[in-house]
C-alpha atoms as a PDB file:
ATOM      1  CA  MET A   1      29.337  13.328 -29.082  1.00  0.00           C
ATOM      2  CA  GLY A   2      25.633  14.063 -28.463  1.00  0.00           C
ATOM      3  CA  TYR A   3      25.330  11.256 -26.240  1.00  0.00           C
ATOM      4  CA  LEU A   4      28.655  12.920 -24.173  1.00  0.00           C
ATOM      5  CA  LYS A   5      26.731  16.130 -24.115  1.00  0.00           C
ATOM      6  CA  PHE A   6      23.672  14.478 -22.691  1.00  0.00           C
ATOM      7  CA  LEU A   7      25.567  12.400 -19.936  1.00  0.00           C
ATOM      8  CA  LEU A   8      27.346  15.744 -19.035  1.00  0.00           C
ATOM      9  CA  GLU A   9      24.131  17.658 -18.535  1.00  0.00           C
ATOM     10  CA  LYS A  10      22.740  14.948 -16.851  1.00  0.00           C
ATOM     11  CA  ALA A  11      25.727  14.729 -14.456  1.00  0.00           C
ATOM     12  CA  SER A  12      25.515  18.543 -14.039  1.00  0.00           C
ATOM     13  CA  CYS A  13      22.639  17.565 -11.579  1.00  0.00           C
ATOM     14  CA  TYR A  14      25.075  16.421  -9.286  1.00  0.00           C
ATOM     15  CA  SER A  15      27.796  17.575  -7.119  1.00  0.00           C
ATOM     16  CA  PRO A  16      31.295  16.183  -7.777  1.00  0.00           C
ATOM     17  CA  SER A  17      31.368  14.781  -4.305  1.00  0.00           C
ATOM     18  CA  THR A  18      27.999  12.816  -4.996  1.00  0.00           C
ATOM     19  CA  ILE A  19      29.118  11.481  -8.369  1.00  0.00           C
ATOM     20  CA  ILE A  20      32.377   9.806  -6.879  1.00  0.00           C
ATOM     21  CA  ARG A  21      30.340   8.501  -3.684  1.00  0.00           C
ATOM     22  CA  LEU A  22      27.801   6.861  -6.155  1.00  0.00           C
ATOM     23  CA  GLU A  23      30.579   5.745  -8.166  1.00  0.00           C
ATOM     24  CA  VAL A  24      32.662   4.256  -5.186  1.00  0.00           C
ATOM     25  CA  GLU A  25      29.159   2.834  -3.934  1.00  0.00           C
ATOM     26  CA  SER A  26      28.863   1.098  -7.208  1.00  0.00           C
ATOM     27  CA  LEU A  27      31.952  -0.343  -7.052  1.00  0.00           C
ATOM     28  CA  ILE A  28      32.411  -1.581  -3.498  1.00  0.00           C
ATOM     29  CA  PHE A  29      29.005  -3.511  -4.116  1.00  0.00           C
ATOM     30  CA  GLY A  30      29.832  -4.650  -7.429  1.00  0.00           C
ATOM     31  CA  VAL A  31      33.239  -6.368  -6.376  1.00  0.00           C
ATOM     32  CA  SER A  32      31.940  -7.819  -3.389  1.00  0.00           C
ATOM     33  CA  SER A  33      29.244  -9.496  -5.158  1.00  0.00           C
ATOM     34  CA  ILE A  34      31.428 -11.592  -6.448  1.00  0.00           C
ATOM     35  CA  PHE A  35      32.096 -13.350  -2.909  1.00  0.00           C
ATOM     36  CA  PRO A  36      29.537 -15.968  -2.274  1.00  0.00           C
ATOM     37  CA  THR A  37      28.751 -17.854   1.032  1.00  0.00           C
ATOM     38  CA  VAL A  38      29.268 -16.364   4.346  1.00  0.00           C
ATOM     39  CA  LEU A  39      32.397 -14.566   3.470  1.00  0.00           C
ATOM     40  CA  GLY A  40      30.634 -12.378   0.847  1.00  0.00           C
ATOM     41  CA  VAL A  41      27.714 -11.914   3.026  1.00  0.00           C
ATOM     42  CA  PHE A  42      30.526 -10.604   5.776  1.00  0.00           C
ATOM     43  CA  ILE A  43      32.212  -8.157   3.370  1.00  0.00           C
ATOM     44  CA  ARG A  44      28.759  -6.683   2.262  1.00  0.00           C
ATOM     45  CA  GLY A  45      27.535  -6.139   5.940  1.00  0.00           C
ATOM     46  CA  ILE A  46      30.823  -4.246   6.525  1.00  0.00           C
ATOM     47  CA  ALA A  47      30.372  -2.190   3.422  1.00  0.00           C
ATOM     48  CA  SER A  48      27.053  -1.260   4.307  1.00  0.00           C
ATOM     49  CA  LYS A  49      28.128  -0.051   7.836  1.00  0.00           C
ATOM     50  CA  PHE A  50      30.146   2.627   5.985  1.00  0.00           C
ATOM     51  CA  LEU A  51      27.956   3.335   2.939  1.00  0.00           C
ATOM     52  CA  PHE A  52      24.325   3.371   4.610  1.00  0.00           C
ATOM     53  CA  LYS A  53      23.006   6.350   6.550  1.00  0.00           C
ATOM     54  CA  GLU A  54      22.608   4.175   9.673  1.00  0.00           C
ATOM     55  CA  VAL A  55      22.646   0.378  10.184  1.00  0.00           C
ATOM     56  CA  ALA A  56      21.427  -1.057  13.682  1.00  0.00           C
ATOM     57  CA  GLY A  57      22.350  -4.558  13.264  1.00  0.00           C
ATOM     58  CA  PHE A  58      24.395  -6.630  10.654  1.00  0.00           C
ATOM     59  CA  PRO A  59      22.621  -7.154   7.348  1.00  0.00           C
ATOM     60  CA  TRP A  60      22.541 -10.209   5.328  1.00  0.00           C
ATOM     61  CA  ILE A  61      23.146  -9.231   1.906  1.00  0.00           C
ATOM     62  CA  GLN A  62      23.173 -12.058  -0.852  1.00  0.00           C
ATOM     63  CA  PRO A  63      25.397 -11.673  -3.977  1.00  0.00           C
ATOM     64  CA  ARG A  64      24.078  -9.571  -7.067  1.00  0.00           C
ATOM     65  CA  VAL A  65      22.104  -7.176  -4.764  1.00  0.00           C
ATOM     66  CA  ILE A  66      22.492  -3.245  -6.303  1.00  0.00           C
ATOM     67  CA  ILE A  67      21.841  -0.642  -3.778  1.00  0.00           C
ATOM     68  CA  VAL A  68      22.127   2.868  -5.029  1.00  0.00           C
ATOM     69  CA  HIS A  69      22.051   6.181  -2.678  1.00  0.00           C
ATOM     70  CA  ALA A  70      23.057   3.907   0.111  1.00  0.00           C
ATOM     71  CA  ASP A  71      23.656   7.047   2.304  1.00  0.00           C
ATOM     72  CA  ARG A  72      19.910   7.692   2.260  1.00  0.00           C
ATOM     73  CA  ILE A  73      18.746   4.060   3.397  1.00  0.00           C
ATOM     74  CA  THR A  74      18.384   3.186   7.304  1.00  0.00           C
ATOM     75  CA  THR A  75      18.051  -0.271   8.730  1.00  0.00           C
ATOM     76  CA  GLY A  76      16.852  -1.982  11.942  1.00  0.00           C
ATOM     77  CA  THR A  77      18.346  -5.126  13.093  1.00  0.00           C
ATOM     78  CA  HIS A  78      17.911  -8.456  11.290  1.00  0.00           C
ATOM     79  CA  LEU A  79      17.721  -7.158   7.988  1.00  0.00           C
ATOM     80  CA  GLY A  80      17.794 -10.168   4.993  1.00  0.00           C
ATOM     81  CA  ILE A  81      18.240  -9.270   1.364  1.00  0.00           C
ATOM     82  CA  ASN A  82      18.081 -11.867  -1.059  1.00  0.00           C
ATOM     83  CA  SER A  83      20.065 -12.012  -4.719  1.00  0.00           C
ATOM     84  CA  GLY A  84      19.042  -9.744  -7.619  1.00  0.00           C
ATOM     85  CA  ALA A  85      17.303  -7.089  -5.632  1.00  0.00           C
ATOM     86  CA  TYR A  86      17.422  -3.434  -6.741  1.00  0.00           C
ATOM     87  CA  ILE A  87      17.095  -0.791  -3.734  1.00  0.00           C
ATOM     88  CA  ASN A  88      17.509   2.813  -4.943  1.00  0.00           C
ATOM     89  CA  GLY A  89      17.461   5.071  -1.858  1.00  0.00           C
ATOM     90  CA  VAL A  90      17.352   8.501  -4.110  1.00  0.00           C
ATOM     91  CA  GLY A  91      14.058   9.638  -1.987  1.00  0.00           C
ATOM     92  CA  GLY A  92      15.300   7.754   1.261  1.00  0.00           C
ATOM     93  CA  ILE A  93      14.312   4.478   2.895  1.00  0.00           C
ATOM     94  CA  GLU A  94      13.744   3.307   5.876  1.00  0.00           C
ATOM     95  CA  LEU A  95      14.083  -0.149   6.642  1.00  0.00           C
ATOM     96  CA  GLY A  96      12.598  -1.811  10.009  1.00  0.00           C
ATOM     97  CA  SER A  97      13.835  -4.621  12.126  1.00  0.00           C
ATOM     98  CA  ASN A  98      13.243  -8.271  11.279  1.00  0.00           C
ATOM     99  CA  VAL A  99      12.935  -7.242   7.442  1.00  0.00           C
ATOM    100  CA  LEU A 100      13.094  -9.815   4.804  1.00  0.00           C
ATOM    101  CA  ILE A 101      13.553  -8.848   1.203  1.00  0.00           C
ATOM    102  CA  GLY A 102      12.989 -11.763  -1.562  1.00  0.00           C
ATOM    103  CA  ASN A 103      15.200 -12.231  -4.652  1.00  0.00           C
ATOM    104  CA  ASN A 104      14.581  -9.886  -7.678  1.00  0.00           C
ATOM    105  CA  VAL A 105      12.705  -7.172  -5.345  1.00  0.00           C
ATOM    106  CA  THR A 106      12.568  -3.707  -6.595  1.00  0.00           C
ATOM    107  CA  ILE A 107      12.400  -1.006  -3.827  1.00  0.00           C
ATOM    108  CA  SER A 108      13.072   2.563  -5.634  1.00  0.00           C
ATOM    109  CA  SER A 109      12.099   5.735  -3.742  1.00  0.00           C
ATOM    110  CA  GLY A 110      12.438   8.053  -6.891  1.00  0.00           C
ATOM    111  CA  GLN A 111       9.474   8.692  -9.170  1.00  0.00           C
ATOM    112  CA  HIS A 112       9.610  10.004 -12.891  1.00  0.00           C
ATOM    113  CA  PRO A 113       7.361  12.783 -13.899  1.00  0.00           C
ATOM    114  CA  ILE A 114       5.707  11.838 -17.156  1.00  0.00           C
ATOM    115  CA  GLU A 115       3.256  14.756 -17.700  1.00  0.00           C
ATOM    116  CA  GLY A 116       3.891  17.182 -20.895  1.00  0.00           C
ATOM    117  CA  GLU A 117       5.939  16.644 -23.957  1.00  0.00           C
ATOM    118  CA  PHE A 118       9.122  18.570 -22.866  1.00  0.00           C
ATOM    119  CA  PRO A 119      11.728  17.938 -21.485  1.00  0.00           C
ATOM    120  CA  THR A 120      12.052  14.463 -22.809  1.00  0.00           C
ATOM    121  CA  ILE A 121      11.274  11.778 -20.060  1.00  0.00           C
ATOM    122  CA  PHE A 122      14.895  10.651 -20.489  1.00  0.00           C
ATOM    123  CA  SER A 123      15.903  13.983 -19.315  1.00  0.00           C
ATOM    124  CA  ARG A 124      13.882  14.674 -16.438  1.00  0.00           C
ATOM    125  CA  LEU A 125      15.018  14.564 -13.019  1.00  0.00           C
ATOM    126  CA  VAL A 126      13.310  12.085 -10.619  1.00  0.00           C
ATOM    127  CA  ILE A 127      11.255  13.295  -7.713  1.00  0.00           C
ATOM    128  CA  PRO A 128      12.391  11.756  -4.467  1.00  0.00           C
ATOM    129  CA  LYS A 129       9.448   9.908  -2.351  1.00  0.00           C
ATOM    130  CA  LYS A 130      10.434   8.168   0.930  1.00  0.00           C
ATOM    131  CA  ILE A 131       9.607   4.378   1.326  1.00  0.00           C
ATOM    132  CA  ILE A 132       8.899   3.193   5.039  1.00  0.00           C
ATOM    133  CA  ILE A 133       9.056  -0.569   5.748  1.00  0.00           C
ATOM    134  CA  LYS A 134       8.216  -1.100   9.087  1.00  0.00           C
ATOM    135  CA  ASP A 135       9.121  -4.029  11.522  1.00  0.00           C
ATOM    136  CA  ASP A 136       8.531  -7.687  10.652  1.00  0.00           C
ATOM    137  CA  VAL A 137       7.733  -7.579   6.856  1.00  0.00           C
ATOM    138  CA  TRP A 138       8.417  -9.778   4.475  1.00  0.00           C
ATOM    139  CA  ILE A 139       8.417  -8.898   0.655  1.00  0.00           C
ATOM    140  CA  GLY A 140       8.051 -11.985  -1.816  1.00  0.00           C
ATOM    141  CA  ALA A 141      10.335 -12.653  -4.761  1.00  0.00           C
ATOM    142  CA  GLY A 142       9.836 -10.406  -7.533  1.00  0.00           C
ATOM    143  CA  ALA A 143       7.711  -7.854  -5.832  1.00  0.00           C
ATOM    144  CA  VAL A 144       7.882  -4.088  -6.434  1.00  0.00           C
ATOM    145  CA  ILE A 145       7.506  -1.434  -3.850  1.00  0.00           C
ATOM    146  CA  MET A 146       6.556   2.016  -5.529  1.00  0.00           C
ATOM    147  CA  PRO A 147       7.951   5.399  -4.531  1.00  0.00           C
ATOM    148  CA  GLY A 148       6.606   6.867  -1.429  1.00  0.00           C
ATOM    149  CA  ILE A 149       4.707   3.888  -0.080  1.00  0.00           C
ATOM    150  CA  SER A 150       4.777   2.815   3.598  1.00  0.00           C
ATOM    151  CA  LEU A 151       4.635  -0.956   4.488  1.00  0.00           C
ATOM    152  CA  GLY A 152       2.737  -1.518   7.761  1.00  0.00           C
ATOM    153  CA  LYS A 153       4.261  -3.559  10.518  1.00  0.00           C
ATOM    154  CA  GLY A 154       3.899  -7.380   9.709  1.00  0.00           C
ATOM    155  CA  SER A 155       3.133  -6.882   6.097  1.00  0.00           C
ATOM    156  CA  VAL A 156       3.542  -9.690   3.983  1.00  0.00           C
ATOM    157  CA  ILE A 157       3.772  -8.811   0.100  1.00  0.00           C
ATOM    158  CA  GLY A 158       3.316 -11.902  -2.068  1.00  0.00           C
ATOM    159  CA  ALA A 159       5.539 -12.839  -4.992  1.00  0.00           C
ATOM    160  CA  ASN A 160       5.593 -10.409  -7.848  1.00  0.00           C
ATOM    161  CA  ALA A 161       3.280  -7.875  -6.258  1.00  0.00           C
ATOM    162  CA  VAL A 162       3.315  -4.348  -7.196  1.00  0.00           C
ATOM    163  CA  VAL A 163       2.428  -2.319  -4.257  1.00  0.00           C
ATOM    164  CA  THR A 164       0.937   1.193  -5.181  1.00  0.00           C
ATOM    165  CA  LYS A 165      -0.804   2.078  -1.866  1.00  0.00           C
ATOM    166  CA  ASP A 166       0.196   1.683   1.796  1.00  0.00           C
ATOM    167  CA  THR A 167      -0.576  -1.452   3.737  1.00  0.00           C
ATOM    168  CA  GLU A 168      -2.240  -2.246   6.365  1.00  0.00           C
ATOM    169  CA  ASP A 169      -0.342  -3.641  10.013  1.00  0.00           C
ATOM    170  CA  TYR A 170      -0.229  -7.667   9.979  1.00  0.00           C
ATOM    171  CA  ALA A 171      -1.838  -7.988   6.274  1.00  0.00           C
ATOM    172  CA  VAL A 172      -1.047 -10.335   3.408  1.00  0.00           C
ATOM    173  CA  TYR A 173      -1.141  -8.511   0.090  1.00  0.00           C
ATOM    174  CA  VAL A 174      -0.940 -10.059  -3.714  1.00  0.00           C
ATOM    175  CA  GLY A 175      -1.493  -9.058  -7.245  1.00  0.00           C
ATOM    176  CA  VAL A 176      -0.966  -6.303  -9.504  1.00  0.00           C
ATOM    177  CA  PRO A 177      -1.718  -3.840  -8.155  1.00  0.00           C
ATOM    178  CA  ALA A 178      -1.407  -5.252  -4.808  1.00  0.00           C
ATOM    179  CA  LYS A 179      -4.656  -5.844  -2.761  1.00  0.00           C
ATOM    180  CA  LYS A 180      -5.044  -7.230   0.619  1.00  0.00           C
ATOM    181  CA  ILE A 181      -6.182 -10.727   0.894  1.00  0.00           C
ATOM    182  CA  ARG A 182      -6.279 -11.566   4.559  1.00  0.00           C
ATOM    183  CA  SER A 183      -5.188 -10.599   8.060  1.00  0.00           C
ATOM    184  CA  ARG A 184      -2.253 -12.477   9.668  1.00  0.00           C
ATOM    185  CA  LEU A 185      -3.707 -12.060  13.036  1.00  0.00           C
ATOM    186  CA  SER A 186      -6.054 -14.324  14.510  1.00  0.00           C
ATOM    187  CA  LYS A 187      -9.681 -13.584  15.421  1.00  0.00           C
ATOM    188  CA  MET A 188      -8.577 -13.164  19.333  1.00  0.00           C
ATOM    189  CA  GLU A 189      -5.694 -10.990  18.294  1.00  0.00           C
ATOM    190  CA  LEU A 190      -7.952  -8.945  16.471  1.00  0.00           C
ATOM    191  CA  LEU A 191     -10.220  -8.507  19.257  1.00  0.00           C
ATOM    192  CA  ASN A 192      -7.367  -7.292  21.603  1.00  0.00           C
END
């Protein structure tokens, strides 16, 4: 009974309409995940048109992608999301055009406060922090994009990197925490 009381307290932070929307969203993405191949991509793309805040093109969403708070996510054209990605839009996420998100990437725009002893960490409300991913970005498999981060235009994030700071345009980042290893631009392009 204690756990039920806890769940009811946690749920009291959300309006009934938000709870219903999140449950419907979870159901739609969960059920559509069982459809492989192009049929599944088509079904998930249509679902995103209804669930996302704004979708400029037709997203290519692979099976087993988990998307939460889709109504706070906007996308440009040509978005590809690979299997196993987890995207939580609680704080808002802006995805530009020509964005590729690799397998098992985590993008979460909510931060859990940790200071102090009370209330317990599990009981604390998430702090929303918007994530902006600009045009022409590739996020490699297993990477983590932390809340409040902005990925610059043309950024490439290496596999398993953890991005804790904003990135520069047309730069490649790898590691934990992610660090810039080079520019994607030639010397001539840098001079212009």
